[in-house]
Amino acid sequence: MSQPQTDKSAQRFVIHNLTKEDGAANFARDVRIGLSSTPKQLFPKYLYDELGSRLFEAICRVDEYYLTRAEDEILTSRADEIIAGISNCETLIELGSGSAEKTRKIIDAFMRRQSELVFVPVDISASALEESSHALLDEYPSLKIRAYAADYFQALDALPPLENKPALVLFLGSNIGNFEREEALTLLRAIRRVLRKGDALLLGADLKKDAATLEAAYNDSLGVTRAFIVNELGRINRELDANFDLWAFGLRSFYNEKLGRVEVYLESLRAQSVNIRGLNLSIHFEAGERIQMEQANKFDVDSLTQLGEQSGFKLERTWFDQGKRFSSNLFVASD
């Protein structure tokens, strides 16, 4: 494990940087694998470079993308109810904390009840953790932060044993929907191994609904989603010396009702070949051929209950926004 770096001006902040992988090498490897496969695919985690992250922030503000507003509505109005189910909690852990904007609703609710709290944010970006942690420390004078720059599994493996009082894990934003079912179970079981009986998990999950609403959320009328998705091709151009024509691909988002998920593709608008000089690789596309870019699984209460039961949790309570588009789910670690 790496040595923690301590903010010497205030011993309230420690960051453990566990990121050891060569990001550029991994990106190159995964692009080669994905574009050489049949059907072609790219991996959604690479959508979030600096430009991609800014474009996703813009997506959260477009009319069609209801998810962020719906979850914010729940956390704003129900935070006190949510934490009432975890009495005497002293440790708050968040997977994929990012800017921690939504997290403030939960921290505010805790601080109305108690004087101290230890926040353990996990994010793959050390710089994002530094920025968000210092903002939180300025805002909450009695907050302590023990941050982990790592992927979810690295951080969960590295966490020390929890203190005696209860802990709450946050996994917000319907990020669970980006995992295949078996992958989601693997992650939830890893979370469960860290927790003790009675500890809790607050899980954000988007809900199954009509195809038109779901598809619009992943293909807004302003074209921000298209810019976000096609930016991964732009990233391949920038980092791997490729010559993708970004305007030669159209965004195609479909709700697969049978599988309960939105599938997002880029479709080649004409027959074309692309050279990726950094990989010494040439890729041919037929007109209409698609690259699978991401998928977003949707849920109902029954499927969430089953997910919890199969990973060692009991679904205690679910909160919905007024339109019943999104859910925040409190799972309690069971036997």
C-alpha atoms as a PDB file:
ATOM      1  CA  MET A   1       0.000   0.000   0.000  1.00  0.00           C
ATOM      2  CA  SER A   2       1.223   3.511  -0.741  1.00  0.00           C
ATOM      3  CA  GLN A   3       2.146   5.885   2.036  1.00  0.00           C
ATOM      4  CA  PRO A   4      -0.662   8.333   2.860  1.00  0.00           C
ATOM      5  CA  GLN A   5      -0.043  11.958   2.012  1.00  0.00           C
ATOM      6  CA  THR A   6      -1.129  14.234   4.834  1.00  0.00           C
ATOM      7  CA  ASP A   7      -2.322  17.811   4.584  1.00  0.00           C
ATOM      8  CA  LYS A   8       0.090  19.316   7.113  1.00  0.00           C
ATOM      9  CA  SER A   9      -1.957  22.482   7.547  1.00  0.00           C
ATOM     10  CA  ALA A  10      -4.846  20.486   8.958  1.00  0.00           C
ATOM     11  CA  GLN A  11      -4.564  16.893  10.135  1.00  0.00           C
ATOM     12  CA  ARG A  12      -8.206  16.427   9.162  1.00  0.00           C
ATOM     13  CA  PHE A  13      -7.310  15.253   5.651  1.00  0.00           C
ATOM     14  CA  VAL A  14      -5.399  12.183   4.453  1.00  0.00           C
ATOM     15  CA  ILE A  15      -5.356  10.828   0.899  1.00  0.00           C
ATOM     16  CA  HIS A  16      -4.196   7.307   0.048  1.00  0.00           C
ATOM     17  CA  ASN A  17      -3.142   7.141  -3.594  1.00  0.00           C
ATOM     18  CA  LEU A  18      -3.467   3.537  -4.751  1.00  0.00           C
ATOM     19  CA  THR A  19      -3.517   4.207  -8.497  1.00  0.00           C
ATOM     20  CA  LYS A  20      -0.673   2.113  -9.869  1.00  0.00           C
ATOM     21  CA  GLU A  21      -1.823   1.232 -13.372  1.00  0.00           C
ATOM     22  CA  ASP A  22      -0.395   2.777 -16.526  1.00  0.00           C
ATOM     23  CA  GLY A  23      -3.494   4.583 -17.789  1.00  0.00           C
ATOM     24  CA  ALA A  24      -2.120   5.259 -21.283  1.00  0.00           C
ATOM     25  CA  ALA A  25      -1.109   1.624 -21.798  1.00  0.00           C
ATOM     26  CA  ASN A  26      -4.471   0.372 -20.551  1.00  0.00           C
ATOM     27  CA  PHE A  27      -6.330   2.768 -22.850  1.00  0.00           C
ATOM     28  CA  ALA A  28      -4.313   1.612 -25.861  1.00  0.00           C
ATOM     29  CA  ARG A  29      -4.827  -2.063 -24.975  1.00  0.00           C
ATOM     30  CA  ASP A  30      -8.582  -1.695 -24.491  1.00  0.00           C
ATOM     31  CA  VAL A  31      -9.057   0.305 -27.716  1.00  0.00           C
ATOM     32  CA  ARG A  32      -7.237  -2.414 -29.651  1.00  0.00           C
ATOM     33  CA  ILE A  33      -9.319  -5.169 -28.034  1.00  0.00           C
ATOM     34  CA  GLY A  34     -12.633  -3.344 -28.419  1.00  0.00           C
ATOM     35  CA  LEU A  35     -12.264  -2.247 -32.033  1.00  0.00           C
ATOM     36  CA  SER A  36     -10.849  -5.622 -33.101  1.00  0.00           C
ATOM     37  CA  SER A  37     -13.800  -7.527 -31.633  1.00  0.00           C
ATOM     38  CA  THR A  38     -17.059  -8.484 -33.359  1.00  0.00           C
ATOM     39  CA  PRO A  39     -19.246  -6.559 -32.789  1.00  0.00           C
ATOM     40  CA  LYS A  40     -17.018  -3.567 -32.128  1.00  0.00           C
ATOM     41  CA  GLN A  41     -17.152  -1.885 -28.727  1.00  0.00           C
ATOM     42  CA  LEU A  42     -15.416   0.753 -26.629  1.00  0.00           C
ATOM     43  CA  PHE A  43     -15.336   0.898 -22.856  1.00  0.00           C
ATOM     44  CA  PRO A  44     -17.473   3.551 -21.112  1.00  0.00           C
ATOM     45  CA  LYS A  45     -14.900   4.301 -18.407  1.00  0.00           C
ATOM     46  CA  TYR A  46     -12.808   6.049 -21.093  1.00  0.00           C
ATOM     47  CA  LEU A  47     -15.589   8.535 -21.812  1.00  0.00           C
ATOM     48  CA  TYR A  48     -14.475  10.533 -18.765  1.00  0.00           C
ATOM     49  CA  ASP A  49     -11.306  12.333 -19.725  1.00  0.00           C
ATOM     50  CA  GLU A  50     -11.159  16.045 -18.809  1.00  0.00           C
ATOM     51  CA  LEU A  51     -13.339  17.099 -21.756  1.00  0.00           C
ATOM     52  CA  GLY A  52     -15.683  14.145 -21.328  1.00  0.00           C
ATOM     53  CA  SER A  53     -16.224  14.941 -17.649  1.00  0.00           C
ATOM     54  CA  ARG A  54     -17.155  18.522 -18.519  1.00  0.00           C
ATOM     55  CA  LEU A  55     -19.534  17.336 -21.218  1.00  0.00           C
ATOM     56  CA  PHE A  56     -21.199  14.965 -18.760  1.00  0.00           C
ATOM     57  CA  GLU A  57     -21.707  17.875 -16.360  1.00  0.00           C
ATOM     58  CA  ALA A  58     -23.467  19.651 -19.230  1.00  0.00           C
ATOM     59  CA  ILE A  59     -25.631  16.578 -19.908  1.00  0.00           C
ATOM     60  CA  CYS A  60     -26.874  16.741 -16.327  1.00  0.00           C
ATOM     61  CA  ARG A  61     -28.352  20.160 -17.119  1.00  0.00           C
ATOM     62  CA  VAL A  62     -30.242  19.341 -20.310  1.00  0.00           C
ATOM     63  CA  ASP A  63     -34.025  18.969 -20.118  1.00  0.00           C
ATOM     64  CA  GLU A  64     -34.146  15.333 -21.176  1.00  0.00           C
ATOM     65  CA  TYR A  65     -31.606  14.065 -18.633  1.00  0.00           C
ATOM     66  CA  TYR A  66     -33.873  13.815 -15.603  1.00  0.00           C
ATOM     67  CA  LEU A  67     -31.692  11.475 -13.501  1.00  0.00           C
ATOM     68  CA  THR A  68     -29.533  14.048 -11.719  1.00  0.00           C
ATOM     69  CA  ARG A  69     -32.454  16.365 -10.927  1.00  0.00           C
ATOM     70  CA  ALA A  70     -34.620  13.488  -9.700  1.00  0.00           C
ATOM     71  CA  GLU A  71     -31.945  12.151  -7.363  1.00  0.00           C
ATOM     72  CA  ASP A  72     -31.167  15.647  -6.104  1.00  0.00           C
ATOM     73  CA  GLU A  73     -34.873  16.113  -5.330  1.00  0.00           C
ATOM     74  CA  ILE A  74     -34.859  12.950  -3.203  1.00  0.00           C
ATOM     75  CA  LEU A  75     -31.653  13.806  -1.340  1.00  0.00           C
ATOM     76  CA  THR A  76     -32.765  17.394  -0.706  1.00  0.00           C
ATOM     77  CA  SER A  77     -36.150  16.464   0.723  1.00  0.00           C
ATOM     78  CA  ARG A  78     -35.384  13.084   2.327  1.00  0.00           C
ATOM     79  CA  ALA A  79     -31.826  13.280   3.689  1.00  0.00           C
ATOM     80  CA  ASP A  80     -32.984  13.468   7.309  1.00  0.00           C
ATOM     81  CA  GLU A  81     -35.214  10.421   6.834  1.00  0.00           C
ATOM     82  CA  ILE A  82     -32.400   8.526   5.130  1.00  0.00           C
ATOM     83  CA  ILE A  83     -29.879   8.985   7.912  1.00  0.00           C
ATOM     84  CA  ALA A  84     -32.491   8.384  10.617  1.00  0.00           C
ATOM     85  CA  GLY A  85     -32.218   4.734   9.650  1.00  0.00           C
ATOM     86  CA  ILE A  86     -28.519   4.659  10.613  1.00  0.00           C
ATOM     87  CA  SER A  87     -28.421   5.936  14.175  1.00  0.00           C
ATOM     88  CA  ASN A  88     -25.040   6.880  15.659  1.00  0.00           C
ATOM     89  CA  CYS A  89     -23.293   6.605  12.289  1.00  0.00           C
ATOM     90  CA  GLU A  90     -19.774   7.997  12.431  1.00  0.00           C
ATOM     91  CA  THR A  91     -18.322   6.898   9.053  1.00  0.00           C
ATOM     92  CA  LEU A  92     -19.653   7.901   5.627  1.00  0.00           C
ATOM     93  CA  ILE A  93     -18.038   6.145   2.633  1.00  0.00           C
ATOM     94  CA  GLU A  94     -18.755   7.173  -0.968  1.00  0.00           C
ATOM     95  CA  LEU A  95     -17.791   5.213  -4.067  1.00  0.00           C
ATOM     96  CA  GLY A  96     -17.233   7.463  -7.075  1.00  0.00           C
ATOM     97  CA  SER A  97     -17.450  10.676  -5.085  1.00  0.00           C
ATOM     98  CA  GLY A  98     -16.431  13.079  -7.890  1.00  0.00           C
ATOM     99  CA  SER A  99     -17.209  16.646  -6.846  1.00  0.00           C
ATOM    100  CA  ALA A 100     -19.280  15.363  -3.887  1.00  0.00           C
ATOM    101  CA  GLU A 101     -21.999  17.905  -4.695  1.00  0.00           C
ATOM    102  CA  LYS A 102     -24.882  15.516  -3.949  1.00  0.00           C
ATOM    103  CA  THR A 103     -23.039  14.179  -0.915  1.00  0.00           C
ATOM    104  CA  ARG A 104     -23.390  17.532   0.812  1.00  0.00           C
ATOM    105  CA  LYS A 105     -27.102  16.832   1.325  1.00  0.00           C
ATOM    106  CA  ILE A 106     -26.237  13.755   3.384  1.00  0.00           C
ATOM    107  CA  ILE A 107     -23.360  15.438   5.241  1.00  0.00           C
ATOM    108  CA  ASP A 108     -25.632  18.375   6.106  1.00  0.00           C
ATOM    109  CA  ALA A 109     -28.193  15.973   7.568  1.00  0.00           C
ATOM    110  CA  PHE A 110     -25.545  14.268   9.705  1.00  0.00           C
ATOM    111  CA  MET A 111     -24.139  17.561  10.916  1.00  0.00           C
ATOM    112  CA  ARG A 112     -27.585  18.641  12.081  1.00  0.00           C
ATOM    113  CA  ARG A 113     -27.566  15.623  14.405  1.00  0.00           C
ATOM    114  CA  GLN A 114     -23.954  15.313  15.525  1.00  0.00           C
ATOM    115  CA  SER A 115     -20.739  17.278  15.795  1.00  0.00           C
ATOM    116  CA  GLU A 116     -18.272  14.976  14.015  1.00  0.00           C
ATOM    117  CA  LEU A 117     -18.162  12.712  10.978  1.00  0.00           C
ATOM    118  CA  VAL A 118     -15.444  10.838   9.080  1.00  0.00           C
ATOM    119  CA  PHE A 119     -15.962  10.992   5.311  1.00  0.00           C
ATOM    120  CA  VAL A 120     -14.183   8.404   3.140  1.00  0.00           C
ATOM    121  CA  PRO A 121     -14.491   9.443  -0.532  1.00  0.00           C
ATOM    122  CA  VAL A 122     -13.256   7.051  -3.245  1.00  0.00           C
ATOM    123  CA  ASP A 123     -12.492   8.263  -6.758  1.00  0.00           C
ATOM    124  CA  ILE A 124     -10.090   7.218  -9.491  1.00  0.00           C
ATOM    125  CA  SER A 125      -8.880  10.837  -9.830  1.00  0.00           C
ATOM    126  CA  ALA A 126      -6.530  12.042  -7.082  1.00  0.00           C
ATOM    127  CA  SER A 127      -6.847  15.640  -8.309  1.00  0.00           C
ATOM    128  CA  ALA A 128     -10.658  15.504  -8.097  1.00  0.00           C
ATOM    129  CA  LEU A 129     -10.386  14.158  -4.551  1.00  0.00           C
ATOM    130  CA  GLU A 130      -7.979  16.916  -3.540  1.00  0.00           C
ATOM    131  CA  GLU A 131     -10.252  19.629  -4.936  1.00  0.00           C
ATOM    132  CA  SER A 132     -13.526  18.320  -3.510  1.00  0.00           C
ATOM    133  CA  SER A 133     -12.006  17.396  -0.129  1.00  0.00           C
ATOM    134  CA  HIS A 134     -10.551  20.852   0.503  1.00  0.00           C
ATOM    135  CA  ALA A 135     -13.884  22.438  -0.415  1.00  0.00           C
ATOM    136  CA  LEU A 136     -15.667  20.155   2.073  1.00  0.00           C
ATOM    137  CA  LEU A 137     -13.116  20.821   4.826  1.00  0.00           C
ATOM    138  CA  ASP A 138     -13.633  24.561   4.408  1.00  0.00           C
ATOM    139  CA  GLU A 139     -17.401  24.123   4.574  1.00  0.00           C
ATOM    140  CA  TYR A 140     -17.522  21.689   7.519  1.00  0.00           C
ATOM    141  CA  PRO A 141     -14.970  22.571  10.245  1.00  0.00           C
ATOM    142  CA  SER A 142     -15.528  19.349  12.224  1.00  0.00           C
ATOM    143  CA  LEU A 143     -15.393  16.971   9.226  1.00  0.00           C
ATOM    144  CA  LYS A 144     -12.468  14.562   8.837  1.00  0.00           C
ATOM    145  CA  ILE A 145     -11.632  13.083   5.430  1.00  0.00           C
ATOM    146  CA  ARG A 146      -9.768   9.852   4.695  1.00  0.00           C
ATOM    147  CA  ALA A 147      -9.720   9.728   0.886  1.00  0.00           C
ATOM    148  CA  TYR A 148      -8.731   6.916  -1.491  1.00  0.00           C
ATOM    149  CA  ALA A 149      -7.581   7.570  -5.055  1.00  0.00           C
ATOM    150  CA  ALA A 150      -8.372   4.119  -6.409  1.00  0.00           C
ATOM    151  CA  ASP A 151     -10.931   2.039  -8.223  1.00  0.00           C
ATOM    152  CA  TYR A 152     -13.790   0.630  -6.166  1.00  0.00           C
ATOM    153  CA  PHE A 153     -12.249  -2.765  -5.491  1.00  0.00           C
ATOM    154  CA  GLN A 154      -8.798  -1.390  -4.630  1.00  0.00           C
ATOM    155  CA  ALA A 155     -10.318   0.976  -2.095  1.00  0.00           C
ATOM    156  CA  LEU A 156     -12.638  -1.607  -0.543  1.00  0.00           C
ATOM    157  CA  ASP A 157      -9.697  -3.999  -0.102  1.00  0.00           C
ATOM    158  CA  ALA A 158      -7.565  -1.254   1.467  1.00  0.00           C
ATOM    159  CA  LEU A 159     -10.097   0.130   3.946  1.00  0.00           C
ATOM    160  CA  PRO A 160      -9.119  -0.507   7.577  1.00  0.00           C
ATOM    161  CA  PRO A 161     -11.642  -2.202   9.897  1.00  0.00           C
ATOM    162  CA  LEU A 162     -14.527   0.089  10.718  1.00  0.00           C
ATOM    163  CA  GLU A 163     -14.885   1.693  14.122  1.00  0.00           C
ATOM    164  CA  ASN A 164     -17.496   0.466  16.573  1.00  0.00           C
ATOM    165  CA  LYS A 165     -20.280   2.796  15.464  1.00  0.00           C
ATOM    166  CA  PRO A 166     -22.347   2.168  12.307  1.00  0.00           C
ATOM    167  CA  ALA A 167     -21.203   3.119   8.805  1.00  0.00           C
ATOM    168  CA  LEU A 168     -23.075   4.206   5.677  1.00  0.00           C
ATOM    169  CA  VAL A 169     -21.842   3.620   2.118  1.00  0.00           C
ATOM    170  CA  LEU A 170     -23.107   5.846  -0.709  1.00  0.00           C
ATOM    171  CA  PHE A 171     -23.248   4.655  -4.324  1.00  0.00           C
ATOM    172  CA  LEU A 172     -25.240   7.367  -6.052  1.00  0.00           C
ATOM    173  CA  GLY A 173     -26.222   8.466  -9.539  1.00  0.00           C
ATOM    174  CA  SER A 174     -27.427   5.055 -10.786  1.00  0.00           C
ATOM    175  CA  ASN A 175     -23.804   4.064 -11.387  1.00  0.00           C
ATOM    176  CA  ILE A 176     -24.883   0.520 -10.514  1.00  0.00           C
ATOM    177  CA  GLY A 177     -26.716   0.504 -13.854  1.00  0.00           C
ATOM    178  CA  ASN A 178     -23.420   0.564 -15.770  1.00  0.00           C
ATOM    179  CA  PHE A 179     -22.573  -2.932 -14.533  1.00  0.00           C
ATOM    180  CA  GLU A 180     -23.753  -6.242 -15.944  1.00  0.00           C
ATOM    181  CA  ARG A 181     -25.807  -8.125 -13.356  1.00  0.00           C
ATOM    182  CA  GLU A 182     -22.988 -10.463 -12.279  1.00  0.00           C
ATOM    183  CA  GLU A 183     -20.572  -7.536 -12.108  1.00  0.00           C
ATOM    184  CA  ALA A 184     -23.084  -5.602  -9.969  1.00  0.00           C
ATOM    185  CA  LEU A 185     -23.388  -8.556  -7.600  1.00  0.00           C
ATOM    186  CA  THR A 186     -19.597  -8.814  -7.356  1.00  0.00           C
ATOM    187  CA  LEU A 187     -19.342  -5.145  -6.386  1.00  0.00           C
ATOM    188  CA  LEU A 188     -22.190  -5.284  -3.872  1.00  0.00           C
ATOM    189  CA  ARG A 189     -20.684  -8.381  -2.266  1.00  0.00           C
ATOM    190  CA  ALA A 190     -17.347  -6.574  -1.990  1.00  0.00           C
ATOM    191  CA  ILE A 191     -19.141  -3.684  -0.231  1.00  0.00           C
ATOM    192  CA  ARG A 192     -20.902  -6.170   2.056  1.00  0.00           C
ATOM    193  CA  ARG A 193     -17.582  -7.744   3.112  1.00  0.00           C
ATOM    194  CA  VAL A 194     -16.403  -4.359   4.395  1.00  0.00           C
ATOM    195  CA  LEU A 195     -19.581  -3.743   6.386  1.00  0.00           C
ATOM    196  CA  ARG A 196     -20.876  -5.333   9.558  1.00  0.00           C
ATOM    197  CA  LYS A 197     -24.399  -6.478  10.231  1.00  0.00           C
ATOM    198  CA  GLY A 198     -26.549  -3.362  10.617  1.00  0.00           C
ATOM    199  CA  ASP A 199     -24.329  -1.090   8.525  1.00  0.00           C
ATOM    200  CA  ALA A 200     -26.050   0.385   5.480  1.00  0.00           C
ATOM    201  CA  LEU A 201     -25.750   1.168   1.777  1.00  0.00           C
ATOM    202  CA  LEU A 202     -27.635   3.969   0.016  1.00  0.00           C
ATOM    203  CA  LEU A 203     -27.918   2.980  -3.632  1.00  0.00           C
ATOM    204  CA  GLY A 204     -29.175   5.275  -6.394  1.00  0.00           C
ATOM    205  CA  ALA A 205     -31.010   3.420  -9.169  1.00  0.00           C
ATOM    206  CA  ASP A 206     -32.860   4.660 -12.232  1.00  0.00           C
ATOM    207  CA  LEU A 207     -36.248   3.039 -12.811  1.00  0.00           C
ATOM    208  CA  LYS A 208     -37.787   1.229 -15.758  1.00  0.00           C
ATOM    209  CA  LYS A 209     -40.201   3.465 -17.659  1.00  0.00           C
ATOM    210  CA  ASP A 210     -41.438   4.231 -21.162  1.00  0.00           C
ATOM    211  CA  ALA A 211     -38.917   3.871 -23.967  1.00  0.00           C
ATOM    212  CA  ALA A 212     -39.373   7.437 -25.256  1.00  0.00           C
ATOM    213  CA  THR A 213     -38.325   9.020 -21.940  1.00  0.00           C
ATOM    214  CA  LEU A 214     -35.372   6.693 -21.508  1.00  0.00           C
ATOM    215  CA  GLU A 215     -34.091   7.079 -25.044  1.00  0.00           C
ATOM    216  CA  ALA A 216     -34.393  10.876 -24.934  1.00  0.00           C
ATOM    217  CA  ALA A 217     -32.286  10.932 -21.756  1.00  0.00           C
ATOM    218  CA  TYR A 218     -29.448   9.338 -23.743  1.00  0.00           C
ATOM    219  CA  ASN A 219     -29.897  11.383 -26.931  1.00  0.00           C
ATOM    220  CA  ASP A 220     -30.906  14.944 -26.057  1.00  0.00           C
ATOM    221  CA  SER A 221     -32.169  17.393 -28.656  1.00  0.00           C
ATOM    222  CA  LEU A 222     -29.206  19.768 -28.189  1.00  0.00           C
ATOM    223  CA  GLY A 223     -26.713  17.048 -29.089  1.00  0.00           C
ATOM    224  CA  VAL A 224     -24.751  17.255 -25.832  1.00  0.00           C
ATOM    225  CA  THR A 225     -24.960  13.485 -25.331  1.00  0.00           C
ATOM    226  CA  ARG A 226     -23.660  12.895 -28.843  1.00  0.00           C
ATOM    227  CA  ALA A 227     -20.717  15.219 -28.161  1.00  0.00           C
ATOM    228  CA  PHE A 228     -20.005  13.310 -24.925  1.00  0.00           C
ATOM    229  CA  ILE A 229     -20.113   9.884 -26.574  1.00  0.00           C
ATOM    230  CA  VAL A 230     -18.217  10.808 -29.740  1.00  0.00           C
ATOM    231  CA  ASN A 231     -15.521  12.445 -27.606  1.00  0.00           C
ATOM    232  CA  GLU A 232     -14.136   8.958 -26.975  1.00  0.00           C
ATOM    233  CA  LEU A 233     -13.314   8.760 -30.682  1.00  0.00           C
ATOM    234  CA  GLY A 234     -11.777  12.218 -30.362  1.00  0.00           C
ATOM    235  CA  ARG A 235      -9.714  10.946 -27.454  1.00  0.00           C
ATOM    236  CA  ILE A 236      -8.431   8.076 -29.619  1.00  0.00           C
ATOM    237  CA  ASN A 237      -7.468  10.693 -32.240  1.00  0.00           C
ATOM    238  CA  ARG A 238      -5.640  12.799 -29.661  1.00  0.00           C
ATOM    239  CA  GLU A 239      -3.906  10.080 -27.672  1.00  0.00           C
ATOM    240  CA  LEU A 240      -3.363   7.329 -30.245  1.00  0.00           C
ATOM    241  CA  ASP A 241      -2.836   9.415 -33.402  1.00  0.00           C
ATOM    242  CA  ALA A 242      -5.986   8.200 -35.174  1.00  0.00           C
ATOM    243  CA  ASN A 243      -8.022   9.852 -37.925  1.00  0.00           C
ATOM    244  CA  PHE A 244     -11.633   9.278 -36.910  1.00  0.00           C
ATOM    245  CA  ASP A 245     -14.006  11.687 -38.681  1.00  0.00           C
ATOM    246  CA  LEU A 246     -16.287  12.513 -35.748  1.00  0.00           C
ATOM    247  CA  TRP A 247     -19.079  13.673 -38.069  1.00  0.00           C
ATOM    248  CA  ALA A 248     -19.107  10.320 -39.855  1.00  0.00           C
ATOM    249  CA  PHE A 249     -20.735   8.644 -36.832  1.00  0.00           C
ATOM    250  CA  GLY A 250     -24.277   9.092 -35.545  1.00  0.00           C
ATOM    251  CA  LEU A 251     -25.542   8.455 -32.022  1.00  0.00           C
ATOM    252  CA  ARG A 252     -28.072   5.643 -31.657  1.00  0.00           C
ATOM    253  CA  SER A 253     -29.677   5.026 -28.239  1.00  0.00           C
ATOM    254  CA  PHE A 254     -32.275   2.277 -27.774  1.00  0.00           C
ATOM    255  CA  TYR A 255     -34.215   0.902 -24.824  1.00  0.00           C
ATOM    256  CA  ASN A 256     -33.981  -2.886 -24.827  1.00  0.00           C
ATOM    257  CA  GLU A 257     -37.160  -3.653 -22.909  1.00  0.00           C
ATOM    258  CA  LYS A 258     -36.447  -7.390 -22.700  1.00  0.00           C
ATOM    259  CA  LEU A 259     -33.107  -6.784 -20.953  1.00  0.00           C
ATOM    260  CA  GLY A 260     -34.281  -3.621 -19.160  1.00  0.00           C
ATOM    261  CA  ARG A 261     -31.454  -1.409 -20.317  1.00  0.00           C
ATOM    262  CA  VAL A 262     -30.624   1.510 -22.596  1.00  0.00           C
ATOM    263  CA  GLU A 263     -27.954   0.576 -25.144  1.00  0.00           C
ATOM    264  CA  VAL A 264     -25.859   3.380 -26.634  1.00  0.00           C
ATOM    265  CA  TYR A 265     -24.035   3.003 -29.954  1.00  0.00           C
ATOM    266  CA  LEU A 266     -22.132   5.070 -32.492  1.00  0.00           C
ATOM    267  CA  GLU A 267     -23.168   4.133 -36.039  1.00  0.00           C
ATOM    268  CA  SER A 268     -20.943   4.579 -39.053  1.00  0.00           C
ATOM    269  CA  LEU A 269     -22.820   6.779 -41.544  1.00  0.00           C
ATOM    270  CA  ARG A 270     -20.804   5.486 -44.490  1.00  0.00           C
ATOM    271  CA  ALA A 271     -18.287   2.817 -45.377  1.00  0.00           C
ATOM    272  CA  GLN A 272     -14.925   4.029 -44.119  1.00  0.00           C
ATOM    273  CA  SER A 273     -11.529   2.985 -42.818  1.00  0.00           C
ATOM    274  CA  VAL A 274      -9.776   4.513 -39.833  1.00  0.00           C
ATOM    275  CA  ASN A 275      -6.046   4.406 -39.157  1.00  0.00           C
ATOM    276  CA  ILE A 276      -4.911   4.318 -35.522  1.00  0.00           C
ATOM    277  CA  ARG A 277      -1.233   5.002 -36.027  1.00  0.00           C
ATOM    278  CA  GLY A 278      -0.360   4.726 -32.345  1.00  0.00           C
ATOM    279  CA  LEU A 279      -1.509   1.101 -32.471  1.00  0.00           C
ATOM    280  CA  ASN A 280      -0.327   0.377 -36.043  1.00  0.00           C
ATOM    281  CA  LEU A 281      -3.929  -0.655 -36.651  1.00  0.00           C
ATOM    282  CA  SER A 282      -6.414  -0.043 -39.463  1.00  0.00           C
ATOM    283  CA  ILE A 283     -10.144  -0.556 -38.794  1.00  0.00           C
ATOM    284  CA  HIS A 284     -12.825  -0.813 -41.490  1.00  0.00           C
ATOM    285  CA  PHE A 285     -16.476   0.116 -40.923  1.00  0.00           C
ATOM    286  CA  GLU A 286     -19.392  -0.798 -43.162  1.00  0.00           C
ATOM    287  CA  ALA A 287     -22.180   1.761 -43.560  1.00  0.00           C
ATOM    288  CA  GLY A 288     -24.555   1.211 -40.643  1.00  0.00           C
ATOM    289  CA  GLU A 289     -22.016  -0.731 -38.558  1.00  0.00           C
ATOM    290  CA  ARG A 290     -22.147   0.140 -34.858  1.00  0.00           C
ATOM    291  CA  ILE A 291     -19.737   0.509 -31.965  1.00  0.00           C
ATOM    292  CA  GLN A 292     -21.308  -0.298 -28.589  1.00  0.00           C
ATOM    293  CA  MET A 293     -20.337   2.571 -26.274  1.00  0.00           C
ATOM    294  CA  GLU A 294     -22.234   1.961 -23.041  1.00  0.00           C
ATOM    295  CA  GLN A 295     -25.315   0.434 -21.489  1.00  0.00           C
ATOM    296  CA  ALA A 296     -27.470   1.650 -18.617  1.00  0.00           C
ATOM    297  CA  ASN A 297     -29.518  -0.956 -16.781  1.00  0.00           C
ATOM    298  CA  LYS A 298     -32.848   0.118 -15.298  1.00  0.00           C
ATOM    299  CA  PHE A 299     -34.545  -1.322 -12.237  1.00  0.00           C
ATOM    300  CA  ASP A 300     -37.784  -1.848 -10.357  1.00  0.00           C
ATOM    301  CA  VAL A 301     -38.232  -2.534  -6.639  1.00  0.00           C
ATOM    302  CA  ASP A 302     -38.406  -6.300  -7.183  1.00  0.00           C
ATOM    303  CA  SER A 303     -35.120  -6.438  -9.084  1.00  0.00           C
ATOM    304  CA  LEU A 304     -33.437  -4.217  -6.482  1.00  0.00           C
ATOM    305  CA  THR A 305     -34.727  -6.427  -3.668  1.00  0.00           C
ATOM    306  CA  GLN A 306     -33.299  -9.504  -5.397  1.00  0.00           C
ATOM    307  CA  LEU A 307     -29.979  -7.762  -5.999  1.00  0.00           C
ATOM    308  CA  GLY A 308     -29.750  -7.003  -2.289  1.00  0.00           C
ATOM    309  CA  GLU A 309     -30.745 -10.473  -1.153  1.00  0.00           C
ATOM    310  CA  GLN A 310     -28.133 -12.099  -3.387  1.00  0.00           C
ATOM    311  CA  SER A 311     -25.356  -9.869  -2.039  1.00  0.00           C
ATOM    312  CA  GLY A 312     -26.071  -9.922   1.706  1.00  0.00           C
ATOM    313  CA  PHE A 313     -28.378  -6.929   2.090  1.00  0.00           C
ATOM    314  CA  LYS A 314     -32.011  -6.356   2.957  1.00  0.00           C
ATOM    315  CA  LEU A 315     -33.824  -3.522   1.188  1.00  0.00           C
ATOM    316  CA  GLU A 316     -35.262  -1.546   4.115  1.00  0.00           C
ATOM    317  CA  ARG A 317     -36.733   1.469   2.351  1.00  0.00           C
ATOM    318  CA  THR A 318     -37.035   3.139  -1.041  1.00  0.00           C
ATOM    319  CA  TRP A 319     -37.602   6.827  -1.760  1.00  0.00           C
ATOM    320  CA  PHE A 320     -38.837   8.172  -5.111  1.00  0.00           C
ATOM    321  CA  ASP A 321     -38.873  11.611  -6.681  1.00  0.00           C
ATOM    322  CA  GLN A 322     -42.343  13.062  -7.292  1.00  0.00           C
ATOM    323  CA  GLY A 323     -42.441  11.730 -10.842  1.00  0.00           C
ATOM    324  CA  LYS A 324     -41.335   8.240  -9.677  1.00  0.00           C
ATOM    325  CA  ARG A 325     -38.567   8.257 -12.244  1.00  0.00           C
ATOM    326  CA  PHE A 326     -35.636   7.552  -9.902  1.00  0.00           C
ATOM    327  CA  SER A 327     -35.078   5.761  -6.604  1.00  0.00           C
ATOM    328  CA  SER A 328     -32.785   6.019  -3.589  1.00  0.00           C
ATOM    329  CA  ASN A 329     -32.622   2.684  -1.791  1.00  0.00           C
ATOM    330  CA  LEU A 330     -31.475   2.006   1.759  1.00  0.00           C
ATOM    331  CA  PHE A 331     -30.001  -1.473   2.077  1.00  0.00           C
ATOM    332  CA  VAL A 332     -29.026  -2.820   5.501  1.00  0.00           C
ATOM    333  CA  ALA A 333     -26.293  -5.453   5.818  1.00  0.00           C
ATOM    334  CA  SER A 334     -27.925  -8.705   6.938  1.00  0.00           C
ATOM    335  CA  ASP A 335     -26.606 -12.075   8.083  1.00  0.00           C
END
